[in-house]
Amino acid sequence: MNINPKQDSNIYFVAVGDVHGYIHQMVRLLQGWGKKNQQSLSFVLQVGDFEAHRHLDDLSTMDAPTKYKQLGDFSDFYTGKSKLPFPLWFIGGNHESYGFLDLFPQGQEIAPNINYLGRVNSIELSGLKWVVSTSSVITTKEALVWFSIHKKRLAIKLTSTVTKSVNPSS
C-alpha cells in the first residue's frame, strides 16, 4: 500500500505510544509542538494502545482489567464531532477493542484521518518505505497458529516488497 499524505522534501512525523483513548490531549500536544517549531506534521504513527472504542459495547472486547476500560475520545472522531488535523496510522496494542478492529484485518480508515494498519501490514507513507506493523494480543501458541494460517499472504507481501526494493526497474 502506498499512502502519500503530503509530497514535499521535508517530512515531519511523530511516533506516539499509549494514547489510551486521550486523543484530544495527543492532538493538543502535537499542535503545540507544531506551533513552537513552525512545522506541520505529515502524519502520526501511533504504535499501540490507541484505544479506538466507538461506544461502550466495544469495551467488552478489550483485553484489560475492568478498572481500565474507559470509552475515551475516539467516539468523537468516529461520529464526526471532532477531526484530526493530520493523518494518523496506528497498530493495535494490548488494550484495543479487537471485536471492532478485527472487522478490518487488512486495515483501513476507520474514522476520518484515522487509519488502522491491520493485523499484519506494510505500507509506504510520504515516501518512507517499509512501515511494517503487527497488531495482536495473543499467546505464543496462538501466534504460531495465526502465522501458519496467514503465512502465504505474508510471504507474498514480503516477497513483492523485497523484489521491488532490490530491483529498481520494477
N, C-alpha and C. Protein backbone atom coordinates (compact mmCIF):
# COMPACT_ATOMS: atom_id res chain seq x y z
N MET A 1 0.85 -1.16 0.00
CA MET A 1 0.00 0.00 0.00
C MET A 1 0.90 1.23 0.00
N ASN A 2 0.59 2.22 -0.79
CA ASN A 2 1.38 3.43 -0.89
C ASN A 2 0.48 4.61 -0.54
N ILE A 3 0.76 5.26 0.56
CA ILE A 3 -0.04 6.38 1.03
C ILE A 3 0.88 7.59 1.12
N ASN A 4 0.55 8.65 0.43
CA ASN A 4 1.38 9.85 0.43
C ASN A 4 0.54 11.07 0.80
N PRO A 5 0.32 11.30 2.12
CA PRO A 5 -0.49 12.43 2.53
C PRO A 5 0.07 13.76 2.04
N LYS A 6 1.37 13.93 2.04
CA LYS A 6 1.99 15.17 1.58
C LYS A 6 3.24 14.80 0.81
N GLN A 7 3.40 15.35 -0.36
CA GLN A 7 4.60 15.10 -1.15
C GLN A 7 5.44 16.38 -1.16
N ASP A 8 6.38 16.50 -0.24
CA ASP A 8 7.34 17.58 -0.28
C ASP A 8 8.67 17.04 0.21
N SER A 9 9.69 17.88 0.18
CA SER A 9 11.02 17.39 0.52
C SER A 9 11.23 17.21 2.01
N ASN A 10 10.44 17.85 2.84
CA ASN A 10 10.57 17.74 4.29
C ASN A 10 9.39 16.97 4.85
N ILE A 11 9.68 15.85 5.47
CA ILE A 11 8.64 15.03 6.07
C ILE A 11 8.82 15.10 7.58
N TYR A 12 7.81 15.58 8.26
CA TYR A 12 7.82 15.61 9.71
C TYR A 12 6.73 14.68 10.20
N PHE A 13 7.13 13.69 10.98
CA PHE A 13 6.15 12.81 11.59
C PHE A 13 6.60 12.51 13.00
N VAL A 14 5.68 11.99 13.76
CA VAL A 14 5.98 11.64 15.14
C VAL A 14 5.43 10.25 15.40
N ALA A 15 6.16 9.49 16.19
CA ALA A 15 5.68 8.18 16.66
C ALA A 15 5.19 8.38 18.09
N VAL A 16 3.97 7.97 18.34
CA VAL A 16 3.33 8.17 19.64
C VAL A 16 2.87 6.82 20.15
N GLY A 17 3.07 6.57 21.42
CA GLY A 17 2.60 5.32 22.01
C GLY A 17 1.65 5.57 23.16
N ASP A 18 0.85 4.58 23.45
CA ASP A 18 -0.01 4.55 24.64
C ASP A 18 -0.87 5.80 24.82
N VAL A 19 -1.63 6.12 23.81
CA VAL A 19 -2.57 7.24 23.89
C VAL A 19 -3.72 6.90 24.86
N HIS A 20 -4.08 5.63 24.92
CA HIS A 20 -5.14 5.13 25.82
C HIS A 20 -6.42 5.95 25.74
N GLY A 21 -6.79 6.32 24.50
CA GLY A 21 -8.06 7.00 24.30
C GLY A 21 -8.02 8.51 24.47
N TYR A 22 -6.91 9.06 24.93
CA TYR A 22 -6.80 10.51 25.16
C TYR A 22 -6.35 11.21 23.87
N ILE A 23 -7.19 11.13 22.86
CA ILE A 23 -6.83 11.64 21.53
C ILE A 23 -6.81 13.16 21.52
N HIS A 24 -7.75 13.80 22.18
CA HIS A 24 -7.75 15.28 22.23
C HIS A 24 -6.46 15.80 22.86
N GLN A 25 -6.03 15.15 23.93
CA GLN A 25 -4.78 15.56 24.59
C GLN A 25 -3.59 15.37 23.66
N MET A 26 -3.55 14.24 22.94
CA MET A 26 -2.48 14.00 21.98
C MET A 26 -2.45 15.11 20.92
N VAL A 27 -3.62 15.46 20.40
CA VAL A 27 -3.71 16.50 19.37
C VAL A 27 -3.19 17.83 19.92
N ARG A 28 -3.60 18.19 21.13
CA ARG A 28 -3.14 19.46 21.73
C ARG A 28 -1.61 19.48 21.86
N LEU A 29 -1.04 18.38 22.32
CA LEU A 29 0.42 18.31 22.49
C LEU A 29 1.14 18.42 21.14
N LEU A 30 0.64 17.71 20.15
CA LEU A 30 1.29 17.74 18.83
C LEU A 30 1.11 19.08 18.14
N GLN A 31 -0.05 19.71 18.30
CA GLN A 31 -0.24 21.04 17.73
C GLN A 31 0.65 22.06 18.43
N GLY A 32 0.86 21.89 19.73
CA GLY A 32 1.78 22.77 20.47
C GLY A 32 3.19 22.64 19.94
N TRP A 33 3.62 21.41 19.66
CA TRP A 33 4.94 21.20 19.07
C TRP A 33 5.03 21.89 17.71
N GLY A 34 3.99 21.72 16.89
CA GLY A 34 3.98 22.32 15.56
C GLY A 34 4.08 23.83 15.61
N LYS A 35 3.33 24.43 16.53
CA LYS A 35 3.34 25.89 16.67
C LYS A 35 4.72 26.37 17.14
N LYS A 36 5.26 25.68 18.12
CA LYS A 36 6.57 26.06 18.68
C LYS A 36 7.67 25.96 17.63
N ASN A 37 7.60 24.93 16.79
CA ASN A 37 8.65 24.68 15.80
C ASN A 37 8.30 25.16 14.40
N GLN A 38 7.14 25.77 14.25
CA GLN A 38 6.65 26.26 12.97
C GLN A 38 6.72 25.18 11.89
N GLN A 39 6.23 24.01 12.24
CA GLN A 39 6.21 22.86 11.33
C GLN A 39 4.83 22.21 11.41
N SER A 40 4.42 21.60 10.32
CA SER A 40 3.20 20.80 10.35
C SER A 40 3.60 19.34 10.13
N LEU A 41 2.87 18.47 10.75
CA LEU A 41 3.16 17.04 10.66
C LEU A 41 2.61 16.46 9.36
N SER A 42 3.41 15.64 8.71
CA SER A 42 2.94 14.92 7.52
C SER A 42 1.98 13.81 7.94
N PHE A 43 2.29 13.16 9.06
CA PHE A 43 1.43 12.11 9.62
C PHE A 43 1.91 11.77 11.01
N VAL A 44 1.09 11.02 11.73
CA VAL A 44 1.42 10.49 13.05
C VAL A 44 1.36 8.98 12.97
N LEU A 45 2.36 8.33 13.52
CA LEU A 45 2.39 6.87 13.60
C LEU A 45 2.19 6.51 15.07
N GLN A 46 1.03 5.94 15.37
CA GLN A 46 0.70 5.59 16.75
C GLN A 46 1.01 4.11 16.92
N VAL A 47 1.83 3.77 17.92
CA VAL A 47 2.42 2.43 17.98
C VAL A 47 1.82 1.51 19.05
N GLY A 48 0.56 1.68 19.32
CA GLY A 48 -0.12 0.73 20.20
C GLY A 48 -0.86 1.40 21.34
N ASP A 49 -1.92 0.76 21.78
CA ASP A 49 -2.80 1.25 22.83
C ASP A 49 -3.42 2.61 22.47
N PHE A 50 -3.90 2.68 21.25
CA PHE A 50 -4.63 3.85 20.78
C PHE A 50 -6.03 3.88 21.41
N GLU A 51 -6.67 2.73 21.48
CA GLU A 51 -8.00 2.54 22.06
C GLU A 51 -9.10 3.20 21.24
N ALA A 52 -9.37 2.61 20.11
CA ALA A 52 -10.42 3.08 19.20
C ALA A 52 -11.76 2.48 19.61
N HIS A 53 -12.30 2.96 20.72
CA HIS A 53 -13.59 2.48 21.24
C HIS A 53 -14.70 3.40 20.74
N ARG A 54 -15.59 2.84 19.92
CA ARG A 54 -16.69 3.64 19.36
C ARG A 54 -17.78 3.92 20.38
N HIS A 55 -18.06 2.92 21.21
CA HIS A 55 -19.14 3.00 22.18
C HIS A 55 -18.86 2.01 23.29
N LEU A 56 -19.70 2.01 24.30
CA LEU A 56 -19.45 1.17 25.48
C LEU A 56 -19.38 -0.32 25.14
N ASP A 57 -20.13 -0.78 24.14
CA ASP A 57 -20.09 -2.19 23.77
C ASP A 57 -18.70 -2.64 23.33
N ASP A 58 -17.92 -1.73 22.74
CA ASP A 58 -16.55 -2.09 22.32
C ASP A 58 -15.67 -2.47 23.50
N LEU A 59 -15.97 -1.94 24.66
CA LEU A 59 -15.14 -2.23 25.83
C LEU A 59 -15.19 -3.70 26.23
N SER A 60 -16.25 -4.40 25.83
CA SER A 60 -16.37 -5.83 26.18
C SER A 60 -15.36 -6.69 25.43
N THR A 61 -14.79 -6.17 24.33
CA THR A 61 -13.78 -6.94 23.59
C THR A 61 -12.37 -6.41 23.84
N MET A 62 -12.23 -5.56 24.84
CA MET A 62 -10.92 -5.01 25.21
C MET A 62 -10.29 -5.92 26.25
N ASP A 63 -9.04 -6.31 26.04
CA ASP A 63 -8.33 -7.18 26.97
C ASP A 63 -7.62 -6.33 28.02
N ALA A 64 -8.36 -6.03 29.09
CA ALA A 64 -7.81 -5.21 30.16
C ALA A 64 -8.66 -5.39 31.41
N PRO A 65 -8.08 -5.15 32.58
CA PRO A 65 -8.90 -5.17 33.80
C PRO A 65 -10.02 -4.14 33.71
N THR A 66 -11.14 -4.44 34.32
CA THR A 66 -12.33 -3.58 34.26
C THR A 66 -12.01 -2.13 34.62
N LYS A 67 -11.14 -1.92 35.61
CA LYS A 67 -10.85 -0.55 36.05
C LYS A 67 -10.21 0.30 34.95
N TYR A 68 -9.64 -0.33 33.91
CA TYR A 68 -9.02 0.42 32.83
C TYR A 68 -9.92 0.57 31.60
N LYS A 69 -11.10 -0.01 31.63
CA LYS A 69 -11.99 0.05 30.48
C LYS A 69 -12.79 1.35 30.52
N GLN A 70 -12.29 2.33 29.74
CA GLN A 70 -12.94 3.64 29.64
C GLN A 70 -13.13 3.97 28.17
N LEU A 71 -14.21 4.67 27.86
CA LEU A 71 -14.56 4.96 26.48
C LEU A 71 -13.52 5.83 25.77
N GLY A 72 -13.02 6.85 26.39
CA GLY A 72 -12.03 7.71 25.75
C GLY A 72 -12.65 8.63 24.70
N ASP A 73 -11.78 9.24 23.87
CA ASP A 73 -12.20 10.27 22.92
C ASP A 73 -12.53 9.77 21.52
N PHE A 74 -12.20 8.52 21.19
CA PHE A 74 -12.35 8.07 19.81
C PHE A 74 -13.76 8.26 19.27
N SER A 75 -14.78 8.09 20.10
CA SER A 75 -16.16 8.22 19.61
C SER A 75 -16.41 9.62 19.02
N ASP A 76 -15.74 10.64 19.55
CA ASP A 76 -15.87 12.00 18.98
C ASP A 76 -15.39 12.03 17.53
N PHE A 77 -14.33 11.31 17.25
CA PHE A 77 -13.75 11.29 15.90
C PHE A 77 -14.53 10.34 14.99
N TYR A 78 -15.00 9.25 15.56
CA TYR A 78 -15.77 8.27 14.80
C TYR A 78 -17.10 8.84 14.32
N THR A 79 -17.72 9.65 15.16
CA THR A 79 -19.03 10.23 14.82
C THR A 79 -18.91 11.52 14.02
N GLY A 80 -17.70 12.05 13.87
CA GLY A 80 -17.51 13.29 13.12
C GLY A 80 -17.59 14.55 13.98
N LYS A 81 -17.80 14.40 15.27
CA LYS A 81 -17.85 15.56 16.17
C LYS A 81 -16.50 16.28 16.19
N SER A 82 -15.41 15.51 16.08
CA SER A 82 -14.06 16.06 16.03
C SER A 82 -13.32 15.45 14.84
N LYS A 83 -12.27 16.13 14.38
CA LYS A 83 -11.48 15.63 13.26
C LYS A 83 -10.00 15.88 13.53
N LEU A 84 -9.18 14.88 13.23
CA LEU A 84 -7.74 15.06 13.39
C LEU A 84 -7.21 16.03 12.34
N PRO A 85 -6.26 16.89 12.72
CA PRO A 85 -5.70 17.83 11.76
C PRO A 85 -4.57 17.23 10.91
N PHE A 86 -4.28 15.95 11.12
CA PHE A 86 -3.22 15.26 10.39
C PHE A 86 -3.62 13.80 10.28
N PRO A 87 -3.11 13.09 9.26
CA PRO A 87 -3.41 11.66 9.17
C PRO A 87 -2.72 10.88 10.29
N LEU A 88 -3.42 9.94 10.86
CA LEU A 88 -2.86 9.10 11.91
C LEU A 88 -2.98 7.64 11.47
N TRP A 89 -1.92 6.89 11.65
CA TRP A 89 -1.87 5.46 11.34
C TRP A 89 -1.52 4.75 12.62
N PHE A 90 -2.27 3.70 12.99
CA PHE A 90 -1.97 3.03 14.25
C PHE A 90 -1.97 1.52 14.11
N ILE A 91 -1.16 0.91 14.98
CA ILE A 91 -1.17 -0.54 15.13
C ILE A 91 -1.91 -0.84 16.43
N GLY A 92 -2.46 -2.03 16.52
CA GLY A 92 -3.18 -2.40 17.73
C GLY A 92 -2.22 -2.81 18.83
N GLY A 93 -2.52 -2.37 20.02
CA GLY A 93 -1.75 -2.77 21.19
C GLY A 93 -2.55 -3.77 22.01
N ASN A 94 -2.19 -3.94 23.25
CA ASN A 94 -2.87 -4.93 24.09
C ASN A 94 -4.15 -4.39 24.72
N HIS A 95 -4.47 -3.12 24.51
CA HIS A 95 -5.70 -2.55 25.08
C HIS A 95 -6.64 -2.03 24.00
N GLU A 96 -6.80 -2.78 22.95
CA GLU A 96 -7.68 -2.37 21.86
C GLU A 96 -8.99 -3.14 21.90
N SER A 97 -9.98 -2.62 21.20
CA SER A 97 -11.27 -3.30 21.02
C SER A 97 -11.16 -4.18 19.78
N TYR A 98 -10.61 -5.37 19.95
CA TYR A 98 -10.38 -6.21 18.78
C TYR A 98 -11.68 -6.73 18.17
N GLY A 99 -12.78 -6.69 18.89
CA GLY A 99 -14.06 -7.03 18.27
C GLY A 99 -14.37 -6.08 17.12
N PHE A 100 -13.99 -4.82 17.27
CA PHE A 100 -14.17 -3.82 16.21
C PHE A 100 -13.03 -3.91 15.19
N LEU A 101 -11.79 -3.89 15.65
CA LEU A 101 -10.65 -3.86 14.74
C LEU A 101 -10.54 -5.11 13.88
N ASP A 102 -10.98 -6.24 14.40
CA ASP A 102 -10.91 -7.49 13.61
C ASP A 102 -11.87 -7.48 12.42
N LEU A 103 -12.74 -6.50 12.33
CA LEU A 103 -13.56 -6.34 11.13
C LEU A 103 -12.70 -5.90 9.94
N PHE A 104 -11.48 -5.43 10.25
CA PHE A 104 -10.58 -4.88 9.23
C PHE A 104 -9.19 -5.52 9.33
N PRO A 105 -9.07 -6.83 9.09
CA PRO A 105 -7.77 -7.50 9.28
C PRO A 105 -6.67 -6.94 8.38
N GLN A 106 -7.04 -6.38 7.23
CA GLN A 106 -6.05 -5.78 6.32
C GLN A 106 -5.81 -4.31 6.66
N GLY A 107 -6.60 -3.77 7.57
CA GLY A 107 -6.51 -2.38 7.92
C GLY A 107 -7.29 -1.49 6.97
N GLN A 108 -7.65 -0.31 7.44
CA GLN A 108 -8.35 0.67 6.61
C GLN A 108 -8.61 1.92 7.46
N GLU A 109 -9.12 2.96 6.80
CA GLU A 109 -9.52 4.15 7.53
C GLU A 109 -10.78 3.80 8.33
N ILE A 110 -10.74 4.02 9.64
CA ILE A 110 -11.89 3.67 10.48
C ILE A 110 -12.65 4.91 10.97
N ALA A 111 -12.07 6.06 10.76
CA ALA A 111 -12.70 7.36 11.02
C ALA A 111 -11.91 8.36 10.18
N PRO A 112 -12.46 9.53 9.90
CA PRO A 112 -11.72 10.48 9.08
C PRO A 112 -10.31 10.75 9.62
N ASN A 113 -9.31 10.50 8.79
CA ASN A 113 -7.90 10.70 9.12
C ASN A 113 -7.35 9.73 10.16
N ILE A 114 -8.09 8.70 10.52
CA ILE A 114 -7.61 7.69 11.48
C ILE A 114 -7.61 6.34 10.77
N ASN A 115 -6.41 5.77 10.65
CA ASN A 115 -6.22 4.55 9.87
C ASN A 115 -5.63 3.44 10.72
N TYR A 116 -6.33 2.32 10.75
CA TYR A 116 -5.82 1.12 11.42
C TYR A 116 -4.98 0.36 10.41
N LEU A 117 -3.78 -0.06 10.80
CA LEU A 117 -2.88 -0.75 9.89
C LEU A 117 -3.18 -2.23 9.71
N GLY A 118 -4.10 -2.78 10.50
CA GLY A 118 -4.44 -4.19 10.35
C GLY A 118 -3.57 -5.09 11.19
N ARG A 119 -3.84 -6.40 11.08
CA ARG A 119 -3.10 -7.37 11.89
C ARG A 119 -1.64 -7.48 11.46
N VAL A 120 -1.38 -7.57 10.17
CA VAL A 120 -0.02 -7.60 9.63
C VAL A 120 -0.05 -6.80 8.34
N ASN A 121 0.83 -5.82 8.22
CA ASN A 121 0.77 -4.97 7.05
C ASN A 121 2.11 -4.30 6.82
N SER A 122 2.31 -3.82 5.63
CA SER A 122 3.45 -2.95 5.33
C SER A 122 2.95 -1.90 4.36
N ILE A 123 3.32 -0.66 4.62
CA ILE A 123 2.86 0.44 3.79
C ILE A 123 4.01 1.41 3.55
N GLU A 124 3.80 2.32 2.62
CA GLU A 124 4.71 3.42 2.37
C GLU A 124 3.96 4.70 2.72
N LEU A 125 4.57 5.50 3.58
CA LEU A 125 3.96 6.77 4.00
C LEU A 125 4.88 7.91 3.60
N SER A 126 4.37 8.83 2.81
CA SER A 126 5.13 10.02 2.40
C SER A 126 6.51 9.67 1.86
N GLY A 127 6.60 8.57 1.13
CA GLY A 127 7.87 8.17 0.54
C GLY A 127 8.76 7.36 1.47
N LEU A 128 8.35 7.20 2.74
CA LEU A 128 9.12 6.36 3.67
C LEU A 128 8.70 4.92 3.46
N LYS A 129 9.62 4.07 3.08
CA LYS A 129 9.29 2.69 2.76
C LYS A 129 9.33 1.81 4.01
N TRP A 130 8.56 0.78 3.93
CA TRP A 130 8.59 -0.31 4.91
C TRP A 130 8.15 0.09 6.30
N VAL A 131 7.05 0.78 6.41
CA VAL A 131 6.42 0.94 7.70
C VAL A 131 5.66 -0.37 7.89
N VAL A 132 6.19 -1.24 8.73
CA VAL A 132 5.66 -2.59 8.90
C VAL A 132 4.97 -2.67 10.25
N SER A 133 3.82 -3.31 10.28
CA SER A 133 3.09 -3.39 11.54
C SER A 133 2.61 -4.80 11.82
N THR A 134 2.53 -5.12 13.09
CA THR A 134 1.82 -6.31 13.55
C THR A 134 0.98 -5.87 14.74
N SER A 135 -0.26 -6.29 14.78
CA SER A 135 -1.17 -5.93 15.87
C SER A 135 -1.74 -7.20 16.46
N SER A 136 -1.67 -7.33 17.79
CA SER A 136 -2.31 -8.51 18.38
C SER A 136 -2.17 -8.54 19.89
N VAL A 137 -3.02 -9.32 20.47
CA VAL A 137 -2.92 -9.73 21.86
C VAL A 137 -3.14 -11.23 21.82
N ILE A 138 -2.07 -11.97 21.69
CA ILE A 138 -2.18 -13.42 21.56
C ILE A 138 -1.01 -14.11 22.24
N THR A 139 -1.20 -15.36 22.61
CA THR A 139 -0.13 -16.14 23.19
C THR A 139 0.79 -16.66 22.10
N THR A 140 1.92 -17.21 22.49
CA THR A 140 2.86 -17.75 21.50
C THR A 140 2.21 -18.84 20.67
N LYS A 141 1.45 -19.74 21.31
CA LYS A 141 0.78 -20.82 20.57
C LYS A 141 -0.21 -20.24 19.56
N GLU A 142 -1.00 -19.24 19.99
CA GLU A 142 -1.96 -18.60 19.08
C GLU A 142 -1.25 -17.90 17.94
N ALA A 143 -0.11 -17.29 18.24
CA ALA A 143 0.65 -16.59 17.19
C ALA A 143 1.13 -17.58 16.14
N LEU A 144 1.58 -18.74 16.57
CA LEU A 144 2.04 -19.75 15.61
C LEU A 144 0.90 -20.24 14.73
N VAL A 145 -0.27 -20.44 15.33
CA VAL A 145 -1.44 -20.86 14.55
C VAL A 145 -1.82 -19.75 13.58
N TRP A 146 -1.90 -18.51 14.07
CA TRP A 146 -2.27 -17.37 13.23
C TRP A 146 -1.27 -17.23 12.09
N PHE A 147 0.03 -17.33 12.40
CA PHE A 147 1.05 -17.18 11.36
C PHE A 147 0.94 -18.30 10.33
N SER A 148 0.69 -19.53 10.78
CA SER A 148 0.62 -20.63 9.81
C SER A 148 -0.58 -20.45 8.88
N ILE A 149 -1.66 -19.89 9.36
CA ILE A 149 -2.83 -19.63 8.53
C ILE A 149 -2.55 -18.52 7.52
N HIS A 150 -1.83 -17.49 7.95
CA HIS A 150 -1.64 -16.29 7.14
C HIS A 150 -0.28 -16.20 6.47
N LYS A 151 0.59 -17.19 6.66
CA LYS A 151 1.96 -17.05 6.16
C LYS A 151 2.04 -16.92 4.65
N LYS A 152 1.12 -17.55 3.92
CA LYS A 152 1.17 -17.43 2.47
C LYS A 152 0.95 -15.97 2.06
N ARG A 153 -0.06 -15.32 2.64
CA ARG A 153 -0.33 -13.91 2.33
C ARG A 153 0.85 -13.05 2.77
N LEU A 154 1.39 -13.30 3.96
CA LEU A 154 2.52 -12.54 4.46
C LEU A 154 3.74 -12.75 3.58
N ALA A 155 4.00 -13.99 3.19
CA ALA A 155 5.15 -14.28 2.33
C ALA A 155 5.01 -13.57 0.98
N ILE A 156 3.82 -13.54 0.45
CA ILE A 156 3.60 -12.85 -0.83
C ILE A 156 3.88 -11.36 -0.67
N LYS A 157 3.38 -10.76 0.40
CA LYS A 157 3.61 -9.33 0.64
C LYS A 157 5.10 -9.06 0.80
N LEU A 158 5.78 -9.86 1.63
CA LEU A 158 7.19 -9.63 1.86
C LEU A 158 8.00 -9.86 0.59
N THR A 159 7.67 -10.89 -0.16
CA THR A 159 8.40 -11.17 -1.40
C THR A 159 8.23 -10.04 -2.39
N SER A 160 7.01 -9.56 -2.56
CA SER A 160 6.80 -8.48 -3.53
C SER A 160 7.49 -7.21 -3.06
N THR A 161 7.51 -6.95 -1.76
CA THR A 161 8.18 -5.77 -1.23
C THR A 161 9.69 -5.88 -1.44
N VAL A 162 10.24 -7.04 -1.12
CA VAL A 162 11.68 -7.23 -1.28
C VAL A 162 12.06 -7.13 -2.75
N THR A 163 11.28 -7.74 -3.62
CA THR A 163 11.56 -7.68 -5.05
C THR A 163 11.60 -6.24 -5.54
N LYS A 164 10.64 -5.45 -5.13
CA LYS A 164 10.58 -4.05 -5.55
C LYS A 164 11.77 -3.27 -5.02
N SER A 165 12.20 -3.57 -3.80
CA SER A 165 13.30 -2.79 -3.24
C SER A 165 14.65 -3.21 -3.82
N VAL A 166 14.78 -4.46 -4.24
CA VAL A 166 16.03 -4.95 -4.80
C VAL A 166 16.15 -4.62 -6.28
N ASN A 167 15.03 -4.66 -6.99
CA ASN A 167 15.04 -4.45 -8.44
C ASN A 167 14.52 -3.04 -8.75
N PRO A 168 15.40 -2.07 -8.98
CA PRO A 168 14.94 -0.69 -9.20
C PRO A 168 14.06 -0.52 -10.44
N SER A 169 14.08 -1.46 -11.36
CA SER A 169 13.28 -1.30 -12.58
C SER A 169 11.81 -1.66 -12.37
N SER A 170 11.46 -2.26 -11.23
CA SER A 170 10.04 -2.65 -11.03
C SER A 170 9.27 -1.57 -10.32
